[in-house]
Protein backbone atom coordinates (compact mmCIF):
# COMPACT_ATOMS: atom_id res chain seq x y z
CA MET A 1 11.87 -36.59 -10.88
CA PRO A 2 11.78 -33.45 -8.65
CA VAL A 3 9.42 -30.71 -9.78
CA THR A 4 11.13 -27.41 -10.54
CA ILE A 5 9.32 -24.49 -8.89
CA LYS A 6 9.33 -21.19 -10.76
CA THR A 7 10.57 -18.36 -8.53
CA ASP A 8 10.86 -15.32 -10.82
CA TYR A 9 7.46 -13.71 -10.29
CA ARG A 10 7.10 -9.93 -10.66
CA PHE A 11 5.71 -7.63 -7.99
CA ILE A 12 5.16 -3.93 -7.36
CA ASP A 13 4.40 -3.34 -3.68
CA VAL A 14 1.83 -0.53 -3.83
CA GLY A 15 1.86 0.25 -0.11
CA VAL A 16 5.12 0.47 1.86
CA ASN A 17 5.90 2.65 4.88
CA LEU A 18 9.63 2.60 4.23
CA THR A 19 10.31 5.76 6.24
CA ASP A 20 9.35 4.01 9.48
CA ASP A 21 12.20 3.98 11.99
CA VAL A 22 12.14 0.19 12.34
CA PHE A 23 13.70 -0.07 8.89
CA ARG A 24 16.68 1.80 10.34
CA GLY A 25 16.92 -0.33 13.48
CA LYS A 26 15.01 1.96 15.85
CA TYR A 27 11.96 0.72 17.81
CA HIS A 28 9.79 2.98 19.98
CA GLY A 29 12.48 5.65 19.83
CA LYS A 30 15.30 3.33 20.91
CA LYS A 31 18.11 2.10 18.67
CA ARG A 32 18.10 -1.69 18.81
CA HIS A 33 20.37 -2.65 15.92
CA ASP A 34 22.28 -1.32 12.93
CA ASP A 35 20.56 0.19 9.91
CA ASP A 36 19.75 -2.74 7.61
CA MET A 37 17.91 -0.97 4.79
CA HIS A 38 20.33 -2.40 2.24
CA ALA A 39 19.53 -5.97 3.33
CA ILE A 40 15.78 -5.26 3.29
CA LEU A 41 15.99 -4.01 -0.28
CA GLU A 42 18.14 -6.97 -1.31
CA ARG A 43 15.58 -9.40 0.09
CA ALA A 44 12.87 -7.54 -1.81
CA ARG A 45 14.83 -7.79 -5.07
CA ASN A 46 15.44 -11.50 -4.53
CA ALA A 47 11.70 -12.00 -3.99
CA GLY A 48 10.87 -10.33 -7.32
CA VAL A 49 9.86 -6.87 -6.11
CA LYS A 50 10.52 -4.65 -9.13
CA SER A 51 9.44 -1.40 -7.50
CA MET A 52 7.54 0.08 -4.57
CA ILE A 53 5.12 2.92 -3.95
CA LEU A 54 6.04 4.59 -0.66
CA THR A 55 3.11 5.92 1.35
CA GLY A 56 2.74 9.51 2.52
CA THR A 57 0.50 9.90 5.57
CA SER A 58 1.02 13.56 6.52
CA LEU A 59 2.68 16.68 5.13
CA CYS A 60 5.89 15.93 7.01
CA GLU A 61 5.98 12.28 6.07
CA SER A 62 5.04 13.06 2.47
CA GLN A 63 8.18 15.19 2.28
CA GLN A 64 10.19 12.30 3.72
CA VAL A 65 8.80 9.63 1.39
CA LEU A 66 9.37 11.88 -1.59
CA THR A 67 13.03 12.26 -0.67
CA LEU A 68 13.42 8.53 -0.04
CA ALA A 69 11.62 7.59 -3.25
CA LYS A 70 14.02 9.79 -5.22
CA ASP A 71 17.03 8.35 -3.42
CA LEU A 72 15.99 4.74 -3.99
CA GLY A 73 14.35 5.07 -7.40
CA PHE A 74 10.81 4.16 -6.30
CA PHE A 75 7.50 6.09 -6.41
CA CYS A 76 5.37 7.74 -3.73
CA THR A 77 2.00 9.05 -2.69
CA ILE A 78 1.37 12.50 -1.20
CA GLY A 79 -1.45 13.07 1.25
CA CYS A 80 -2.79 13.04 4.79
CA HIS A 81 -4.09 9.93 6.56
CA PRO A 82 -7.52 10.38 8.18
CA THR A 83 -6.08 9.87 11.67
CA ARG A 84 -3.68 12.77 10.96
CA SER A 85 -6.30 15.05 9.41
CA ALA A 86 -6.47 17.34 12.46
CA GLU A 87 -3.04 18.57 11.33
CA PHE A 88 -4.81 20.66 8.70
CA GLU A 89 -6.11 22.85 11.53
CA THR A 90 -3.21 22.71 13.98
CA SER A 91 -0.34 23.41 11.58
CA ASP A 92 1.13 26.86 10.99
CA GLY A 93 -1.07 28.79 8.61
CA GLY A 94 -4.05 26.52 9.07
CA ALA A 95 -5.84 24.30 6.58
CA ASP A 96 -5.27 26.49 3.52
CA ALA A 97 -1.50 26.52 4.05
CA TYR A 98 -1.40 22.78 4.73
CA LEU A 99 -3.34 22.00 1.56
CA SER A 100 -1.19 24.40 -0.46
CA ALA A 101 1.96 22.69 0.80
CA LEU A 102 0.63 19.27 -0.22
CA ASP A 103 -0.39 20.74 -3.58
CA ALA A 104 3.10 22.14 -4.16
CA LEU A 105 4.74 18.82 -3.31
CA VAL A 106 2.58 17.12 -5.92
CA ALA A 107 2.91 19.81 -8.60
CA ASN A 108 6.70 19.93 -8.35
CA ASN A 109 7.23 16.17 -8.44
CA LEU A 110 5.04 14.70 -11.16
CA HIS A 111 7.93 13.63 -13.35
CA GLY A 112 11.25 11.86 -13.06
CA LYS A 113 12.82 9.66 -10.45
CA GLY A 114 10.75 9.23 -7.29
CA ARG A 115 7.69 10.86 -8.80
CA VAL A 116 4.30 11.21 -7.15
CA VAL A 117 1.81 8.69 -8.54
CA ALA A 118 -1.22 9.12 -6.25
CA ILE A 119 -2.99 11.34 -3.72
CA GLY A 120 -3.12 9.77 -0.29
CA GLU A 121 -3.10 8.02 1.99
CA CYS A 122 -6.48 9.68 2.50
CA GLY A 123 -9.97 8.57 3.44
CA LEU A 124 -11.87 7.79 6.63
CA ASP A 125 -11.08 5.80 9.78
CA TYR A 126 -13.90 5.48 12.31
CA ASP A 127 -12.00 2.93 14.39
CA ARG A 128 -9.64 5.66 15.61
CA THR A 129 -11.75 8.77 15.99
CA ARG A 130 -9.78 9.68 19.12
CA PHE A 131 -7.20 11.16 16.73
CA ALA A 132 -9.71 13.04 14.55
CA MET A 133 -13.49 13.15 14.75
CA PRO A 134 -15.50 11.94 11.74
CA GLU A 135 -16.51 15.45 10.67
CA VAL A 136 -12.85 16.54 10.67
CA GLN A 137 -11.83 13.50 8.64
CA GLN A 138 -14.64 14.08 6.15
CA LYS A 139 -13.81 17.74 5.64
CA TYR A 140 -10.16 17.17 4.82
CA PHE A 141 -10.82 14.04 2.80
CA ARG A 142 -12.91 16.21 0.48
CA LEU A 143 -10.07 18.73 0.19
CA GLN A 144 -7.67 16.01 -0.90
CA LEU A 145 -10.14 14.86 -3.55
CA LEU A 146 -9.66 18.32 -5.07
CA LEU A 147 -5.95 17.55 -5.47
CA ALA A 148 -6.74 14.29 -7.26
CA LYS A 149 -8.98 16.15 -9.69
CA LYS A 150 -6.55 19.02 -10.20
CA HIS A 151 -3.56 16.81 -10.96
CA SER A 152 -5.51 13.94 -12.53
CA LEU A 153 -3.96 11.41 -10.17
CA PRO A 154 -5.44 8.24 -8.68
CA LEU A 155 -6.40 8.05 -5.02
CA PHE A 156 -4.67 5.89 -2.43
CA LEU A 157 -7.60 5.32 -0.08
CA HIS A 158 -7.94 4.26 3.55
CA SER A 159 -11.27 2.94 4.83
CA ARG A 160 -11.93 1.53 8.30
CA ALA A 161 -15.49 1.05 9.57
CA ALA A 162 -16.48 3.96 7.33
CA HIS A 163 -17.45 2.49 3.96
CA THR A 164 -20.88 4.14 3.76
CA ASP A 165 -19.53 7.65 4.36
CA LEU A 166 -16.47 7.06 2.19
CA VAL A 167 -18.58 6.04 -0.78
CA LYS A 168 -21.09 8.84 -0.12
CA ILE A 169 -18.34 11.48 -0.25
CA LEU A 170 -16.72 9.92 -3.32
CA ARG A 171 -20.06 9.96 -5.13
CA GLU A 172 -20.85 13.53 -4.09
CA GLU A 173 -17.45 14.66 -5.38
CA GLY A 174 -17.93 12.99 -8.77
CA PHE A 175 -16.07 9.71 -8.20
CA GLY A 176 -19.14 7.49 -8.38
CA GLU A 177 -18.58 6.26 -11.93
CA GLU A 178 -15.45 5.27 -13.85
CA GLY A 179 -13.31 6.39 -10.94
CA GLY A 180 -14.28 10.04 -11.37
CA LYS A 181 -13.23 10.32 -15.01
CA ALA A 182 -15.87 12.98 -15.69
CA VAL A 183 -14.37 15.33 -13.06
CA GLY A 184 -10.72 14.74 -13.87
CA GLY A 185 -10.23 11.81 -11.51
CA LYS A 186 -8.25 8.70 -12.33
CA GLY A 187 -9.88 6.26 -9.97
CA GLY A 188 -7.74 4.80 -7.25
CA VAL A 189 -7.29 1.91 -4.88
CA VAL A 190 -8.74 1.11 -1.48
CA HIS A 191 -5.66 -0.28 0.18
CA SER A 192 -5.32 -2.80 3.02
CA PHE A 193 -8.90 -3.85 2.29
CA THR A 194 -10.83 -5.60 5.06
CA GLY A 195 -14.41 -4.94 3.95
CA SER A 196 -17.40 -7.08 3.05
CA LEU A 197 -18.46 -8.78 -0.17
CA ASP A 198 -20.97 -5.99 -0.84
CA GLU A 199 -18.25 -3.40 -0.38
CA VAL A 200 -16.00 -5.20 -2.85
CA SER A 201 -18.77 -5.14 -5.42
CA GLU A 202 -19.68 -1.48 -4.89
CA LEU A 203 -16.09 -0.25 -5.10
CA MET A 204 -15.40 -2.20 -8.27
CA ASP A 205 -18.63 -0.93 -9.83
CA MET A 206 -17.44 2.63 -9.12
CA GLY A 207 -14.22 1.94 -11.00
CA PHE A 208 -11.83 1.43 -8.08
CA TYR A 209 -9.13 -1.16 -7.51
CA ILE A 210 -8.73 -3.11 -4.27
CA SER A 211 -5.38 -3.91 -2.68
CA VAL A 212 -4.77 -6.76 -0.27
CA ASN A 213 -2.08 -7.49 2.31
CA GLY A 214 -1.75 -9.67 5.39
CA CYS A 215 -4.46 -7.72 7.24
CA SER A 216 -6.84 -8.39 4.34
CA LEU A 217 -6.56 -12.14 4.94
CA LYS A 218 -7.00 -12.50 8.70
CA ASN A 219 -10.35 -14.30 8.96
CA GLU A 220 -12.72 -16.36 6.84
CA GLU A 221 -14.87 -13.35 5.94
CA ASN A 222 -11.73 -11.57 4.73
CA LEU A 223 -10.88 -14.57 2.55
CA ARG A 224 -14.35 -14.58 0.98
CA SER A 225 -14.04 -10.88 0.17
CA ALA A 226 -10.54 -11.31 -1.26
CA LYS A 227 -11.76 -14.14 -3.45
CA ALA A 228 -14.48 -11.84 -4.85
CA ILE A 229 -12.03 -9.22 -6.13
CA HIS A 230 -11.87 -9.46 -9.91
CA ARG A 231 -8.48 -10.22 -11.40
CA ASN A 232 -8.58 -6.95 -13.35
CA ARG A 233 -9.15 -5.01 -10.10
CA VAL A 234 -6.67 -6.58 -7.68
CA LEU A 235 -3.42 -5.02 -6.44
CA LEU A 236 -0.88 -6.44 -3.98
CA GLU A 237 0.95 -4.80 -1.09
CA THR A 238 2.53 -5.47 2.28
CA ASP A 239 1.87 -2.19 4.17
CA ALA A 240 5.28 -2.96 5.71
CA PRO A 241 6.31 -2.80 8.49
CA TRP A 242 2.69 -3.49 9.47
CA CYS A 243 0.19 -6.19 8.44
CA SER A 244 2.42 -9.24 8.78
CA MET A 245 0.92 -12.63 7.95
CA THR A 246 0.88 -14.62 11.17
CA GLY A 247 0.07 -18.13 12.26
CA GLY A 248 -3.19 -17.01 13.85
CA HIS A 249 -4.68 -15.79 10.56
CA ALA A 250 -7.06 -17.70 8.30
CA SER A 251 -4.43 -17.37 5.58
CA LYS A 252 -2.26 -19.91 7.45
CA GLN A 253 -4.04 -22.87 5.84
CA HIS A 254 -3.02 -21.60 2.40
CA LEU A 255 0.51 -20.55 3.33
CA ALA A 256 1.09 -24.09 4.62
CA LEU A 257 1.16 -25.14 0.96
CA LEU A 258 3.83 -22.61 -0.04
CA PRO A 259 6.83 -24.44 -1.57
CA LEU A 260 10.06 -24.20 0.41
CA SER A 261 11.90 -22.40 -2.41
CA LEU A 262 9.31 -19.61 -2.31
CA ARG A 263 9.02 -19.59 1.48
CA GLU A 264 12.73 -18.85 1.75
CA LEU A 265 12.29 -15.84 -0.55
CA TYR A 266 9.07 -14.42 0.91
CA PHE A 267 9.56 -15.30 4.58
CA PRO A 268 13.33 -15.49 5.12
CA ALA A 269 14.92 -16.58 8.39
CA SER A 270 14.43 -13.98 11.11
CA THR A 271 15.58 -13.11 14.59
CA LYS A 272 14.51 -10.81 17.42
CA PRO A 273 15.87 -7.22 17.29
CA GLU A 274 18.14 -7.82 20.28
CA ASN A 275 19.73 -10.79 18.46
CA PHE A 276 20.20 -8.90 15.20
CA MET A 277 22.41 -10.46 12.55
CA LEU A 278 22.98 -8.62 9.28
CA GLY A 279 21.25 -10.52 6.51
CA LYS A 280 18.46 -11.87 8.68
CA ALA A 281 14.97 -10.40 8.86
CA ILE A 282 13.46 -9.16 12.12
CA LYS A 283 10.60 -11.05 13.76
CA GLY A 284 7.37 -9.04 13.74
CA ARG A 285 8.65 -6.48 11.22
CA ASN A 286 6.91 -6.98 7.90
CA GLU A 287 9.01 -6.47 4.79
CA PRO A 288 8.26 -5.99 1.07
CA CYS A 289 9.62 -9.48 0.29
CA ALA A 290 6.51 -10.90 2.01
CA ILE A 291 4.33 -9.68 -0.86
CA GLY A 292 4.85 -13.09 -2.43
CA GLY A 293 3.01 -14.67 0.48
CA VAL A 294 0.02 -12.41 -0.14
CA ALA A 295 0.08 -13.38 -3.82
CA TRP A 296 0.25 -17.06 -2.90
CA VAL A 297 -2.91 -16.86 -0.79
CA MET A 298 -4.72 -14.98 -3.58
CA HIS A 299 -3.67 -17.66 -6.06
CA GLU A 300 -5.09 -20.30 -3.74
CA LEU A 301 -8.36 -18.41 -3.23
CA HIS A 302 -8.90 -17.69 -6.92
CA GLY A 303 -7.92 -21.15 -8.09
CA ILE A 304 -5.54 -19.85 -10.76
CA SER A 305 -1.79 -20.11 -11.13
CA LEU A 306 0.53 -17.94 -9.09
CA GLU A 307 1.83 -16.43 -12.31
CA GLU A 308 -1.68 -15.47 -13.43
CA ILE A 309 -2.51 -13.62 -10.23
CA THR A 310 0.88 -11.91 -9.95
CA GLU A 311 0.85 -10.79 -13.58
CA SER A 312 -2.72 -9.51 -13.25
CA ALA A 313 -1.76 -7.43 -10.20
CA PHE A 314 1.45 -6.26 -11.87
CA LYS A 315 -0.35 -5.07 -15.01
CA ASN A 316 -3.18 -3.50 -12.99
CA THR A 317 -0.58 -1.51 -11.04
CA LEU A 318 1.07 -0.24 -14.22
CA GLU A 319 -2.30 0.82 -15.56
CA LEU A 320 -3.66 2.54 -12.45
CA PHE A 321 -0.52 4.51 -11.64
CA SER A 322 0.48 5.18 -15.27
CA LEU A 323 3.79 3.38 -14.89
CA SER A 324 5.81 1.93 -17.73
CA PRO A 325 7.93 -1.24 -17.43
CA GLU A 326 10.94 0.76 -18.57
CA GLU A 327 10.85 3.03 -15.52
CA LEU A 328 10.72 0.19 -13.02
CA PHE A 329 14.03 -0.35 -11.36
CA THR A 330 14.76 -1.84 -8.00
CA SER A 331 16.94 0.22 -5.71
CA THR A 332 20.70 -0.03 -6.00
CA ASP A 333 21.13 1.18 -2.40
């Protein structure tokens, strides 16, 4: 008798760059196909994505994600990515005005549809210091920590080749224990995690969550670190349109075991942009529906059922971002 495969797992994608032009058919400034946002959201719904947290990476983009989150009924983060942190100094009015503008966006949008649920994406990125030197990144990371304290919001953190300094600053600013509870903080998540086993342990000990996506599962060291994340500290994301899971990643061995019924939901048929057909995904463009593939690999690594890992991540997301099941609604776009 054929085995029936359950397909109704629940997800909240905690890191989506839905304002990227590729989700409207534009690549490198050139229109390649029609806007297919509606189809993207339909594929996400079919895959079990109950909501998304759209990522703000600069003042301008934070304004955009806030508008989109309200339009679609999702949530968002407000902040400045470390590689964009020089904008604090180059924008009109300087750093004080830039911070005040971020502050106002947060303060005016803490409730209702599309609300702000975290400060970020902020942190440190020493792989791309050509965009902002480490001292610049550090200075404006600290300023954004003030917003997290002021509004008692979790942090949506970025860390690349900078764990030691990231943790040092977090500790100096009062986030070294219980996610900064003593200074008004509400913890946070290090997203798109690619760090070591020791880093996993230290971040969890400090009271932070760790979010994984395709980039978190590229090589064997990544898999060992992902396996070490406690179930009560794991979140799931896609970082779409980036961080696709590809055949060259270590995760391939686990995805090979994905049942066809789930594969069709998480990795639907795709085509190149120039051969666009409405209803088909685009090769190389990651989508929120692929979050199920990330969950599948985590289920394989942890040796527990897919439902156990997805429900753990789902409940962790509700807890960290103070979401209630009643306010989760997939877009009707």
